[in-house]
Protein backbone atom coordinates (compact mmCIF):
# COMPACT_ATOMS: atom_id res chain seq x y z
CA UNK A 1 0.37 -0.38 0.29
CA UNK A 2 1.34 3.70 -0.93
CA UNK A 3 2.38 6.10 2.36
CA UNK A 4 2.91 2.13 3.74
CA UNK A 5 5.29 3.94 6.26
CA UNK A 6 2.94 7.34 7.02
CA UNK A 7 0.11 4.85 8.10
CA UNK A 8 1.56 2.36 10.03
CA UNK A 9 2.15 4.12 12.93
CA UNK A 10 -0.73 4.63 13.41
CA UNK A 11 -2.35 1.17 12.96
CA UNK A 12 -0.74 0.23 15.72
CA UNK A 13 -1.49 3.19 18.01
CA UNK A 14 -4.46 2.59 17.56
CA UNK A 15 -4.39 -0.92 18.26
CA UNK A 16 -3.20 -0.18 21.53
CA UNK A 17 -5.32 1.69 22.17
CA UNK A 18 -8.43 -0.84 21.82
CA UNK A 19 -6.33 -3.14 23.15
CA UNK A 20 -6.64 -1.23 26.58
CA UNK A 21 -10.47 -0.60 26.49
CA UNK A 22 -11.27 -4.67 25.85
CA UNK A 23 -9.56 -7.95 27.39
CA UNK A 24 -8.34 -10.43 24.83
CA UNK A 25 -11.26 -11.97 22.44
CA UNK A 26 -10.56 -15.70 21.76
CA UNK A 27 -10.78 -17.41 18.81
CA UNK A 28 -13.67 -19.39 17.88
CA UNK A 29 -13.51 -23.30 16.80
CA UNK A 30 -14.26 -25.52 13.71
CA UNK A 31 -14.12 -28.65 13.82
CA UNK A 32 -15.03 -28.78 9.51
CA UNK A 33 -13.44 -25.34 7.80
CA UNK A 34 -17.40 -25.16 6.13
CA UNK A 35 -18.45 -23.88 9.42
CA UNK A 36 -16.49 -21.08 9.42
CA UNK A 37 -16.77 -19.95 5.66
CA UNK A 38 -20.70 -20.04 6.88
CA UNK A 39 -20.88 -17.74 9.77
CA UNK A 40 -19.08 -15.20 7.45
CA UNK A 41 -20.96 -15.40 5.01
CA UNK A 42 -23.72 -14.27 7.69
CA UNK A 43 -21.27 -11.69 9.17
CA UNK A 44 -20.07 -10.22 6.17
CA UNK A 45 -23.70 -7.74 6.60
CA UNK A 46 -24.84 -7.92 9.67
CA UNK A 47 -23.08 -6.74 13.73
CA UNK A 48 -21.06 -9.18 14.97
CA UNK A 49 -24.17 -10.19 17.56
CA UNK A 50 -26.50 -10.39 15.28
CA UNK A 51 -24.38 -12.34 12.35
CA UNK A 52 -24.41 -15.10 15.76
CA UNK A 53 -28.10 -14.63 16.66
CA UNK A 54 -28.21 -15.91 13.37
CA UNK A 55 -26.19 -18.73 13.19
CA UNK A 56 -27.16 -20.24 15.48
CA UNK A 57 -30.92 -19.91 14.18
CA UNK A 58 -30.07 -21.65 10.72
CA UNK A 59 -27.96 -24.04 13.30
CA UNK A 60 -31.25 -25.25 15.14
CA UNK A 61 -33.53 -26.11 12.26
CA UNK A 62 -31.48 -27.29 9.48
CA UNK A 63 -30.27 -30.63 10.54
CA UNK A 64 -27.13 -30.52 8.95
CA UNK A 65 -25.17 -28.28 6.33
CA UNK A 66 -26.76 -30.96 3.48
CA UNK A 67 -30.31 -29.37 4.69
CA UNK A 68 -29.61 -26.30 4.18
CA UNK A 69 -28.04 -27.34 1.56
CA UNK A 70 -30.94 -28.26 -0.39
CA UNK A 71 -33.42 -25.37 1.52
CA UNK A 72 -35.39 -22.58 -0.30
CA UNK A 73 -34.20 -19.33 -0.66
CA UNK A 74 -37.48 -18.18 1.49
CA UNK A 75 -37.53 -20.33 4.20
CA UNK A 76 -33.47 -19.75 5.34
CA UNK A 77 -34.64 -16.29 4.83
CA UNK A 78 -37.42 -16.54 7.68
CA UNK A 79 -34.82 -18.69 9.66
CA UNK A 80 -32.37 -15.00 9.82
CA UNK A 81 -35.03 -13.43 11.18
CA UNK A 82 -33.67 -10.52 11.43
CA UNK A 83 -34.02 -8.31 8.19
CA UNK A 84 -31.33 -6.60 6.40
CA UNK A 85 -30.61 -4.73 3.22
CA UNK A 86 -27.95 -8.52 1.66
CA UNK A 87 -30.35 -10.77 2.85
CA UNK A 88 -31.58 -12.11 -0.33
CA UNK A 89 -28.33 -11.98 -1.66
CA UNK A 90 -26.88 -13.86 1.78
CA UNK A 91 -29.49 -16.62 1.12
CA UNK A 92 -28.12 -17.13 -2.54
CA UNK A 93 -23.95 -17.31 -1.34
CA UNK A 94 -25.05 -19.96 1.42
CA UNK A 95 -26.53 -22.47 -0.94
CA UNK A 96 -24.31 -21.33 -3.77
CA UNK A 97 -20.53 -22.14 -1.65
CA UNK A 98 -22.79 -25.44 0.16
CA UNK A 99 -23.79 -26.40 -3.87
CA UNK A 100 -20.34 -26.21 -4.72
CA UNK A 101 -18.07 -28.27 -2.40
CA UNK A 102 -21.03 -31.14 -3.14
CA UNK A 103 -19.93 -31.23 -5.65
CA UNK A 104 -16.52 -31.04 -5.47
CA UNK A 105 -15.96 -33.12 -2.16
CA UNK A 106 -19.49 -35.46 -2.72
CA UNK A 107 -20.13 -33.95 1.21
CA UNK A 108 -20.68 -30.63 2.73
CA UNK A 109 -17.36 -30.25 4.07
CA UNK A 110 -13.94 -28.36 3.84
CA UNK A 111 -12.20 -30.86 5.94
CA UNK A 112 -9.60 -31.64 3.25
CA UNK A 113 -8.26 -28.16 3.92
CA UNK A 114 -6.90 -28.64 7.27
CA UNK A 115 -4.44 -31.30 5.50
CA UNK A 116 -3.48 -28.94 3.20
CA UNK A 117 -0.36 -26.53 3.13
CA UNK A 118 -1.92 -23.52 3.96
CA UNK A 119 -0.73 -22.27 0.89
CA UNK A 120 -3.30 -24.80 -1.30
CA UNK A 121 -5.78 -24.99 1.35
CA UNK A 122 -6.04 -21.17 0.64
CA UNK A 123 -5.75 -20.73 -3.25
CA UNK A 124 -9.00 -23.77 -3.35
CA UNK A 125 -10.53 -22.11 -0.60
CA UNK A 126 -10.97 -19.29 -2.67
CA UNK A 127 -11.74 -21.11 -5.67
CA UNK A 128 -15.12 -21.63 -4.42
CA UNK A 129 -18.00 -20.32 -6.43
CA UNK A 130 -19.74 -18.22 -4.09
CA UNK A 131 -16.97 -17.27 -1.16
CA UNK A 132 -16.31 -14.32 -0.91
CA UNK A 133 -12.29 -12.78 -0.07
CA UNK A 134 -13.85 -11.85 3.74
CA UNK A 135 -15.30 -15.37 4.02
CA UNK A 136 -12.53 -16.23 2.83
CA UNK A 137 -9.77 -14.76 4.77
CA UNK A 138 -11.81 -15.48 8.27
CA UNK A 139 -11.82 -19.19 7.81
CA UNK A 140 -8.66 -18.63 6.99
CA UNK A 141 -7.76 -16.93 10.09
CA UNK A 142 -10.06 -18.81 12.56
CA UNK A 143 -10.24 -22.56 11.27
CA UNK A 144 -6.94 -23.25 8.82
CA UNK A 145 -4.32 -21.58 11.46
CA UNK A 146 -2.95 -19.02 8.77
CA UNK A 147 -2.30 -15.04 9.03
CA UNK A 148 -5.46 -12.75 8.09
CA UNK A 149 -7.14 -9.99 8.91
CA UNK A 150 -10.78 -10.72 7.59
CA UNK A 151 -12.26 -6.33 6.52
CA UNK A 152 -15.84 -5.99 5.59
CA UNK A 153 -17.17 -3.25 4.15
CA UNK A 154 -17.48 -1.22 7.26
CA UNK A 155 -14.98 -1.26 8.63
CA UNK A 156 -12.81 -0.67 5.23
CA UNK A 157 -14.74 2.15 5.35
CA UNK A 158 -13.73 3.39 9.38
CA UNK A 159 -10.10 2.77 8.04
CA UNK A 160 -10.77 5.43 5.02
CA UNK A 161 -12.66 7.51 6.95
CA UNK A 162 -10.11 7.51 9.75
CA UNK A 163 -7.31 8.00 7.90
CA UNK A 164 -5.78 5.24 8.97
CA UNK A 165 -4.51 3.55 5.25
CA UNK A 166 -3.92 5.39 2.57
CA UNK A 167 -7.30 7.63 0.64
CA UNK A 168 -7.41 5.30 -2.79
CA UNK A 169 -5.83 2.10 -1.52
CA UNK A 170 -7.93 -1.44 -2.65
CA UNK A 171 -9.59 -3.71 -0.26
CA UNK A 172 -6.53 -6.13 -1.41
CA UNK A 173 -4.04 -3.70 -0.79
CA UNK A 174 -5.94 -2.61 3.20
CA UNK A 175 -5.79 -6.26 4.03
CA UNK A 176 -2.47 -6.84 3.00
CA UNK A 177 -0.94 -3.54 5.08
CA UNK A 178 -2.71 -4.03 7.72
CA UNK A 179 -1.21 -8.64 8.00
CA UNK A 180 2.41 -7.22 7.38
CA UNK A 181 1.24 -4.73 10.18
CA UNK A 182 -0.77 -6.81 13.48
CA UNK A 183 1.22 -10.53 13.73
CA UNK A 184 -0.28 -14.07 13.72
CA UNK A 185 -1.25 -13.79 17.65
CA UNK A 186 -2.59 -10.44 17.10
CA UNK A 187 -4.42 -11.04 13.99
CA UNK A 188 -7.90 -12.65 15.99
CA UNK A 189 -8.41 -10.15 18.48
CA UNK A 190 -7.15 -7.23 15.59
CA UNK A 191 -10.00 -8.17 13.80
CA UNK A 192 -12.72 -7.82 16.52
CA UNK A 193 -11.88 -5.23 18.25
CA UNK A 194 -11.64 -2.81 15.14
CA UNK A 195 -14.65 -4.93 13.64
CA UNK A 196 -15.73 -3.72 17.11
CA UNK A 197 -14.80 0.07 16.88
CA UNK A 198 -15.81 0.03 13.10
CA UNK A 199 -19.65 -0.68 14.25
CA UNK A 200 -19.96 1.36 17.49
CA UNK A 201 -18.53 4.31 14.66
CA UNK A 202 -20.71 3.53 11.86
CA UNK A 203 -23.69 5.99 12.11
CA UNK A 204 -21.74 8.68 12.69
CA UNK A 205 -19.99 8.25 9.50
CA UNK A 206 -23.31 7.20 8.11
CA UNK A 207 -23.93 11.67 9.14
CA UNK A 208 -21.38 13.12 8.05
CA UNK A 209 -21.37 11.16 4.64
CA UNK A 210 -25.28 12.45 4.44
CA UNK A 211 -24.34 16.10 5.43
CA UNK A 212 -21.56 15.84 2.63
CA UNK A 213 -23.33 14.28 0.09
CA UNK A 214 -26.01 17.48 0.96
CA UNK A 215 -24.18 19.76 1.06
CA UNK A 216 -22.76 18.44 -3.05
CA UNK A 217 -25.98 18.05 -4.37
CA UNK A 218 -27.03 21.98 -2.54
CA UNK A 219 -23.78 23.38 -4.22
CA UNK A 220 -23.81 22.17 -7.68
CA UNK A 221 -28.11 22.73 -7.97
CA UNK A 222 -26.57 25.89 -6.76
CA UNK A 223 -24.57 26.21 -9.97
CA UNK A 224 -26.99 24.97 -11.57
CA UNK A 225 -29.81 27.74 -11.13
CA UNK A 226 -26.09 30.31 -11.60
CA UNK A 227 -25.02 28.86 -14.65
CA UNK A 228 -28.88 28.60 -16.41
CA UNK A 229 -29.14 32.69 -14.67
CA UNK A 230 -26.34 33.21 -17.09
CA UNK A 231 -27.84 31.21 -19.57
CA UNK A 232 -30.86 32.82 -19.54
CA UNK A 233 -29.09 36.06 -19.60
CA UNK A 234 -26.50 35.77 -23.02
CA UNK A 235 -29.80 34.03 -24.94
CA UNK A 236 -31.93 38.16 -23.66
CA UNK A 237 -28.59 39.35 -24.68
CA UNK A 238 -27.91 38.03 -27.43
CA UNK A 239 -31.29 38.86 -28.52
CA UNK A 240 -31.40 42.31 -27.28
CA UNK A 241 -28.57 43.16 -30.24
CA UNK A 242 -30.35 41.14 -32.79
CA UNK A 243 -33.54 43.36 -32.09
CA UNK A 244 -31.05 46.87 -32.43
CA UNK A 245 -29.49 45.45 -35.63
CA UNK A 246 -32.58 44.47 -36.85
CA UNK A 247 -33.69 48.64 -36.27
CA UNK A 248 -30.56 50.06 -37.62
CA UNK A 249 -31.06 48.58 -41.43
CA UNK A 250 -34.23 49.28 -41.80
CA UNK A 251 -34.52 51.73 -44.86
CA UNK A 252 -35.83 55.04 -44.01
CA UNK A 253 -39.12 55.50 -46.73
């Protein structure tokens, strides 16, 4: 990421500050990486608390992930309970991922990835149809003992708004930058702390953006109005000049 040296101390300072406010977060245990993927697909679009609640509902309602795989989207949405903007998209991703895994392994499991080298496991996981970069990173970190910093939209928005990363850096560049700043042993704790901070700051960020957008719209409207007035004035002036010229050219009787 561009200007990494400039932003590195800022990230270190943030991590130290957040650690002082909270105890270390224990990493969840998944006996099959597919469970981490499914949790992440939901968790990417809602808060951590809501995603935990929704995941529990899914586990209680469906017999197993194969039952979830063949379920109708409407049923999955009903089980989610909490309605959110990307619910339909998430339900589609869940079934797509489960079907892709089933077609490849003849079972709904990613257990074989735990026997692969980390690089190969990451590659195979990334190639699963329907999986998102966030889900890949979350699964790699929590179920495959890899080094990753999962980042969803609110977290990326927070990092950019707080000027903790280069403004035009891509999502992948930001993730790579953070992984170089935060060691593997602190990765999950940093992820959770940053996520909570981003979730708390989101309403303020949204309000700030709304004000900025309103101001921008107002400025554009004023500029457009000014341009229209100028155009009308120019047209009027042009017509006046034409009239005077026409009067001047009229021959005397």
